[in-house]
Amino acid sequence: MSEEKEFPAMKPLNQLLPLDALFLYCAANMGEFTVNKANKTITFNSTYTYDENAIPEWSTFLDQAKSDYTSALDPGTEIPANDDQLFMNIEEMIDIATVLVEE
């Protein structure tokens, strides 16, 4: 006899962590920054240059990841709501980045 468990939905990424935490994570991965603990500030030592062609690539990566994920599921199985929400949150982040760099 198999028993199915239903797990509670995972909160979206932007609700799991405050934006400050996500910002610090990004800063740590970008490198070249200075932390002033006395003033509680972070200063980037160099300008971050973005590649406007990278943003559509991010969408392609996300689409491929979602496709790979879906393919790994048993036939007829839908993506669990919490995982689908995570994909939507990442897509929203890419949409925000797109708006920020539009001319």
N, C-alpha and C. Protein backbone atom coordinates (compact mmCIF):
# COMPACT_ATOMS: atom_id res chain seq x y z
N MET A 1 0.86 -1.18 0.00
CA MET A 1 0.00 0.00 0.00
C MET A 1 0.90 1.23 0.00
N SER A 2 0.69 2.08 -0.96
CA SER A 2 1.49 3.30 -1.01
C SER A 2 0.73 4.45 -0.36
N GLU A 3 1.50 5.28 0.24
CA GLU A 3 0.91 6.42 0.93
C GLU A 3 1.41 7.69 0.26
N GLU A 4 0.50 8.55 -0.09
CA GLU A 4 0.88 9.82 -0.70
C GLU A 4 0.88 10.89 0.37
N LYS A 5 1.92 11.71 0.33
CA LYS A 5 2.00 12.84 1.24
C LYS A 5 1.87 14.11 0.44
N GLU A 6 1.15 15.04 0.98
CA GLU A 6 1.07 16.34 0.33
C GLU A 6 1.86 17.33 1.17
N PHE A 7 2.81 17.95 0.52
CA PHE A 7 3.67 18.89 1.22
C PHE A 7 3.13 20.30 1.07
N PRO A 8 3.38 21.14 2.06
CA PRO A 8 2.92 22.52 1.93
C PRO A 8 3.67 23.21 0.80
N ALA A 9 3.03 24.19 0.21
CA ALA A 9 3.65 24.93 -0.90
C ALA A 9 4.84 25.73 -0.38
N MET A 10 5.90 25.72 -1.16
CA MET A 10 7.09 26.51 -0.84
C MET A 10 6.79 27.96 -1.15
N LYS A 11 7.26 28.84 -0.28
CA LYS A 11 7.10 30.27 -0.55
C LYS A 11 7.94 30.65 -1.75
N PRO A 12 7.52 31.65 -2.50
CA PRO A 12 8.34 32.11 -3.62
C PRO A 12 9.67 32.67 -3.11
N LEU A 13 10.68 32.63 -3.98
CA LEU A 13 12.03 33.04 -3.62
C LEU A 13 12.05 34.44 -3.02
N ASN A 14 11.30 35.37 -3.61
CA ASN A 14 11.32 36.74 -3.12
C ASN A 14 10.57 36.91 -1.80
N GLN A 15 9.89 35.86 -1.34
CA GLN A 15 9.27 35.88 -0.01
C GLN A 15 10.07 35.07 1.00
N LEU A 16 10.86 34.13 0.50
CA LEU A 16 11.72 33.34 1.38
C LEU A 16 12.83 34.19 1.97
N LEU A 17 13.39 35.04 1.13
CA LEU A 17 14.50 35.89 1.54
C LEU A 17 14.16 37.34 1.25
N PRO A 18 14.52 38.24 2.13
CA PRO A 18 14.31 39.66 1.83
C PRO A 18 15.27 40.08 0.71
N LEU A 19 14.92 41.15 0.03
CA LEU A 19 15.74 41.63 -1.08
C LEU A 19 17.16 41.94 -0.64
N ASP A 20 17.35 42.38 0.59
CA ASP A 20 18.71 42.65 1.08
C ASP A 20 19.56 41.39 1.02
N ALA A 21 18.99 40.26 1.40
CA ALA A 21 19.74 39.00 1.38
C ALA A 21 20.09 38.61 -0.05
N LEU A 22 19.14 38.77 -0.96
CA LEU A 22 19.41 38.46 -2.37
C LEU A 22 20.47 39.41 -2.93
N PHE A 23 20.42 40.67 -2.54
CA PHE A 23 21.41 41.65 -2.98
C PHE A 23 22.80 41.27 -2.49
N LEU A 24 22.90 40.90 -1.20
CA LEU A 24 24.20 40.50 -0.65
C LEU A 24 24.74 39.26 -1.34
N TYR A 25 23.86 38.33 -1.66
CA TYR A 25 24.28 37.14 -2.39
C TYR A 25 24.84 37.52 -3.75
N CYS A 26 24.13 38.41 -4.45
CA CYS A 26 24.61 38.87 -5.76
C CYS A 26 25.94 39.60 -5.64
N ALA A 27 26.04 40.47 -4.65
CA ALA A 27 27.28 41.23 -4.46
C ALA A 27 28.44 40.28 -4.18
N ALA A 28 28.22 39.28 -3.36
CA ALA A 28 29.29 38.33 -3.03
C ALA A 28 29.73 37.55 -4.25
N ASN A 29 28.80 37.26 -5.15
CA ASN A 29 29.15 36.52 -6.35
C ASN A 29 29.78 37.39 -7.43
N MET A 30 29.48 38.68 -7.41
CA MET A 30 30.07 39.59 -8.38
C MET A 30 31.51 39.92 -8.01
N GLY A 31 31.81 39.94 -6.73
CA GLY A 31 33.15 40.29 -6.28
C GLY A 31 33.40 41.77 -6.43
N GLU A 32 34.63 42.17 -6.14
CA GLU A 32 35.05 43.56 -6.27
C GLU A 32 34.13 44.53 -5.54
N PHE A 33 33.92 44.29 -4.28
CA PHE A 33 33.13 45.21 -3.48
C PHE A 33 33.81 45.36 -2.12
N THR A 34 33.49 46.45 -1.46
CA THR A 34 34.06 46.74 -0.14
C THR A 34 32.93 46.87 0.85
N VAL A 35 33.09 46.23 1.99
CA VAL A 35 32.09 46.31 3.05
C VAL A 35 32.66 47.23 4.14
N ASN A 36 31.91 48.26 4.45
CA ASN A 36 32.27 49.15 5.55
C ASN A 36 31.36 48.78 6.71
N LYS A 37 31.91 48.02 7.65
CA LYS A 37 31.09 47.52 8.76
C LYS A 37 30.68 48.62 9.72
N ALA A 38 31.51 49.66 9.84
CA ALA A 38 31.17 50.77 10.74
C ALA A 38 29.95 51.52 10.24
N ASN A 39 29.92 51.79 8.92
CA ASN A 39 28.80 52.53 8.33
C ASN A 39 27.70 51.62 7.79
N LYS A 40 27.99 50.30 7.82
CA LYS A 40 27.03 49.31 7.30
C LYS A 40 26.67 49.60 5.85
N THR A 41 27.72 49.76 5.02
CA THR A 41 27.52 50.02 3.60
C THR A 41 28.34 49.05 2.76
N ILE A 42 27.89 48.85 1.55
CA ILE A 42 28.63 48.07 0.56
C ILE A 42 28.87 48.99 -0.63
N THR A 43 30.12 49.06 -1.06
CA THR A 43 30.48 49.89 -2.21
C THR A 43 31.10 48.99 -3.27
N PHE A 44 30.60 49.09 -4.48
CA PHE A 44 31.18 48.32 -5.57
C PHE A 44 32.42 49.06 -6.06
N ASN A 45 33.52 48.32 -6.19
CA ASN A 45 34.79 48.91 -6.58
C ASN A 45 34.86 49.21 -8.07
N SER A 46 34.02 48.58 -8.84
CA SER A 46 33.99 48.83 -10.27
C SER A 46 32.55 48.80 -10.74
N THR A 47 32.33 49.38 -11.86
CA THR A 47 30.99 49.41 -12.45
C THR A 47 30.67 48.04 -13.02
N TYR A 48 29.48 47.58 -12.75
CA TYR A 48 29.04 46.30 -13.33
C TYR A 48 28.50 46.58 -14.72
N THR A 49 29.10 45.95 -15.69
CA THR A 49 28.65 46.10 -17.07
C THR A 49 27.84 44.87 -17.44
N TYR A 50 26.63 45.09 -17.88
CA TYR A 50 25.78 43.97 -18.26
C TYR A 50 25.78 43.81 -19.77
N ASP A 51 25.50 42.62 -20.19
CA ASP A 51 25.39 42.31 -21.61
C ASP A 51 23.90 42.21 -21.92
N GLU A 52 23.40 43.14 -22.73
CA GLU A 52 21.97 43.14 -23.01
C GLU A 52 21.53 41.88 -23.74
N ASN A 53 22.45 41.19 -24.39
CA ASN A 53 22.11 39.93 -25.06
C ASN A 53 21.99 38.77 -24.08
N ALA A 54 22.52 38.96 -22.88
CA ALA A 54 22.48 37.88 -21.88
C ALA A 54 21.08 37.66 -21.34
N ILE A 55 20.29 38.72 -21.25
CA ILE A 55 18.96 38.58 -20.64
C ILE A 55 18.07 37.63 -21.43
N PRO A 56 18.01 37.76 -22.78
CA PRO A 56 17.22 36.75 -23.51
C PRO A 56 17.79 35.33 -23.35
N GLU A 57 19.11 35.24 -23.19
CA GLU A 57 19.72 33.92 -22.96
C GLU A 57 19.25 33.35 -21.63
N TRP A 58 19.08 34.21 -20.62
CA TRP A 58 18.57 33.73 -19.33
C TRP A 58 17.20 33.11 -19.51
N SER A 59 16.36 33.75 -20.33
CA SER A 59 15.03 33.20 -20.59
C SER A 59 15.14 31.84 -21.26
N THR A 60 16.08 31.72 -22.19
CA THR A 60 16.29 30.44 -22.87
C THR A 60 16.75 29.37 -21.89
N PHE A 61 17.69 29.73 -21.00
CA PHE A 61 18.15 28.79 -19.98
C PHE A 61 17.00 28.35 -19.09
N LEU A 62 16.17 29.31 -18.68
CA LEU A 62 15.04 28.99 -17.81
C LEU A 62 14.05 28.08 -18.54
N ASP A 63 13.74 28.40 -19.79
CA ASP A 63 12.82 27.56 -20.56
C ASP A 63 13.36 26.14 -20.69
N GLN A 64 14.68 26.03 -20.93
CA GLN A 64 15.29 24.70 -21.06
C GLN A 64 15.25 23.95 -19.74
N ALA A 65 15.52 24.66 -18.63
CA ALA A 65 15.47 24.02 -17.32
C ALA A 65 14.07 23.52 -17.01
N LYS A 66 13.08 24.33 -17.35
CA LYS A 66 11.69 23.92 -17.09
C LYS A 66 11.31 22.74 -17.98
N SER A 67 11.76 22.75 -19.22
CA SER A 67 11.50 21.65 -20.13
C SER A 67 12.17 20.36 -19.65
N ASP A 68 13.43 20.47 -19.22
CA ASP A 68 14.15 19.30 -18.68
C ASP A 68 13.44 18.76 -17.45
N TYR A 69 12.99 19.66 -16.60
CA TYR A 69 12.30 19.28 -15.36
C TYR A 69 11.01 18.54 -15.71
N THR A 70 10.25 19.11 -16.63
CA THR A 70 8.97 18.51 -17.04
C THR A 70 9.20 17.14 -17.67
N SER A 71 10.25 17.02 -18.47
CA SER A 71 10.55 15.74 -19.13
C SER A 71 10.92 14.66 -18.13
N ALA A 72 11.49 15.05 -17.00
CA ALA A 72 11.90 14.09 -15.99
C ALA A 72 10.72 13.57 -15.15
N LEU A 73 9.60 14.26 -15.23
CA LEU A 73 8.41 13.82 -14.49
C LEU A 73 7.78 12.61 -15.17
N ASP A 74 7.05 11.84 -14.39
CA ASP A 74 6.30 10.74 -14.97
C ASP A 74 5.27 11.30 -15.94
N PRO A 75 5.00 10.59 -17.05
CA PRO A 75 4.01 11.08 -18.01
C PRO A 75 2.68 11.41 -17.34
N GLY A 76 2.13 12.54 -17.71
CA GLY A 76 0.84 12.98 -17.17
C GLY A 76 0.94 13.67 -15.82
N THR A 77 2.15 13.77 -15.28
CA THR A 77 2.34 14.42 -13.99
C THR A 77 2.61 15.90 -14.21
N GLU A 78 1.90 16.72 -13.46
CA GLU A 78 2.11 18.16 -13.55
C GLU A 78 3.23 18.60 -12.62
N ILE A 79 3.84 19.72 -12.95
CA ILE A 79 4.87 20.28 -12.07
C ILE A 79 4.23 20.63 -10.74
N PRO A 80 4.83 20.21 -9.63
CA PRO A 80 4.27 20.60 -8.33
C PRO A 80 4.17 22.12 -8.21
N ALA A 81 3.15 22.58 -7.53
CA ALA A 81 2.86 24.01 -7.45
C ALA A 81 4.05 24.83 -6.94
N ASN A 82 4.78 24.31 -5.94
CA ASN A 82 5.89 25.09 -5.40
C ASN A 82 7.02 25.21 -6.41
N ASP A 83 7.28 24.16 -7.18
CA ASP A 83 8.33 24.23 -8.20
C ASP A 83 7.91 25.14 -9.35
N ASP A 84 6.64 25.05 -9.72
CA ASP A 84 6.13 25.93 -10.77
C ASP A 84 6.22 27.39 -10.33
N GLN A 85 5.94 27.65 -9.05
CA GLN A 85 6.03 29.01 -8.52
C GLN A 85 7.47 29.51 -8.60
N LEU A 86 8.44 28.63 -8.32
CA LEU A 86 9.84 29.03 -8.40
C LEU A 86 10.21 29.41 -9.83
N PHE A 87 9.78 28.61 -10.80
CA PHE A 87 10.03 28.96 -12.20
C PHE A 87 9.40 30.31 -12.54
N MET A 88 8.18 30.56 -12.05
CA MET A 88 7.52 31.84 -12.32
C MET A 88 8.26 33.00 -11.66
N ASN A 89 8.78 32.78 -10.45
CA ASN A 89 9.52 33.84 -9.76
C ASN A 89 10.79 34.20 -10.52
N ILE A 90 11.49 33.20 -11.02
CA ILE A 90 12.70 33.46 -11.78
C ILE A 90 12.36 34.19 -13.08
N GLU A 91 11.27 33.78 -13.71
CA GLU A 91 10.82 34.46 -14.93
C GLU A 91 10.49 35.93 -14.63
N GLU A 92 9.88 36.17 -13.48
CA GLU A 92 9.57 37.55 -13.08
C GLU A 92 10.85 38.36 -12.89
N MET A 93 11.87 37.74 -12.29
CA MET A 93 13.15 38.44 -12.11
C MET A 93 13.77 38.79 -13.46
N ILE A 94 13.67 37.87 -14.41
CA ILE A 94 14.20 38.15 -15.76
C ILE A 94 13.40 39.27 -16.41
N ASP A 95 12.08 39.26 -16.21
CA ASP A 95 11.24 40.34 -16.76
C ASP A 95 11.62 41.69 -16.17
N ILE A 96 11.89 41.72 -14.87
CA ILE A 96 12.30 42.97 -14.22
C ILE A 96 13.63 43.45 -14.79
N ALA A 97 14.57 42.53 -14.98
CA ALA A 97 15.87 42.88 -15.57
C ALA A 97 15.68 43.42 -16.99
N THR A 98 14.77 42.83 -17.74
CA THR A 98 14.50 43.28 -19.10
C THR A 98 14.00 44.72 -19.10
N VAL A 99 13.06 45.03 -18.21
CA VAL A 99 12.51 46.38 -18.13
C VAL A 99 13.59 47.38 -17.72
N LEU A 100 14.46 46.97 -16.80
CA LEU A 100 15.51 47.88 -16.33
C LEU A 100 16.47 48.30 -17.43
N VAL A 101 16.73 47.42 -18.38
CA VAL A 101 17.74 47.73 -19.40
C VAL A 101 17.14 48.16 -20.74
N GLU A 102 15.82 48.20 -20.83
CA GLU A 102 15.20 48.65 -22.08
C GLU A 102 15.50 50.11 -22.31
N GLU A 103 15.63 50.45 -23.58
CA GLU A 103 15.90 51.87 -23.93
C GLU A 103 14.62 52.65 -24.01
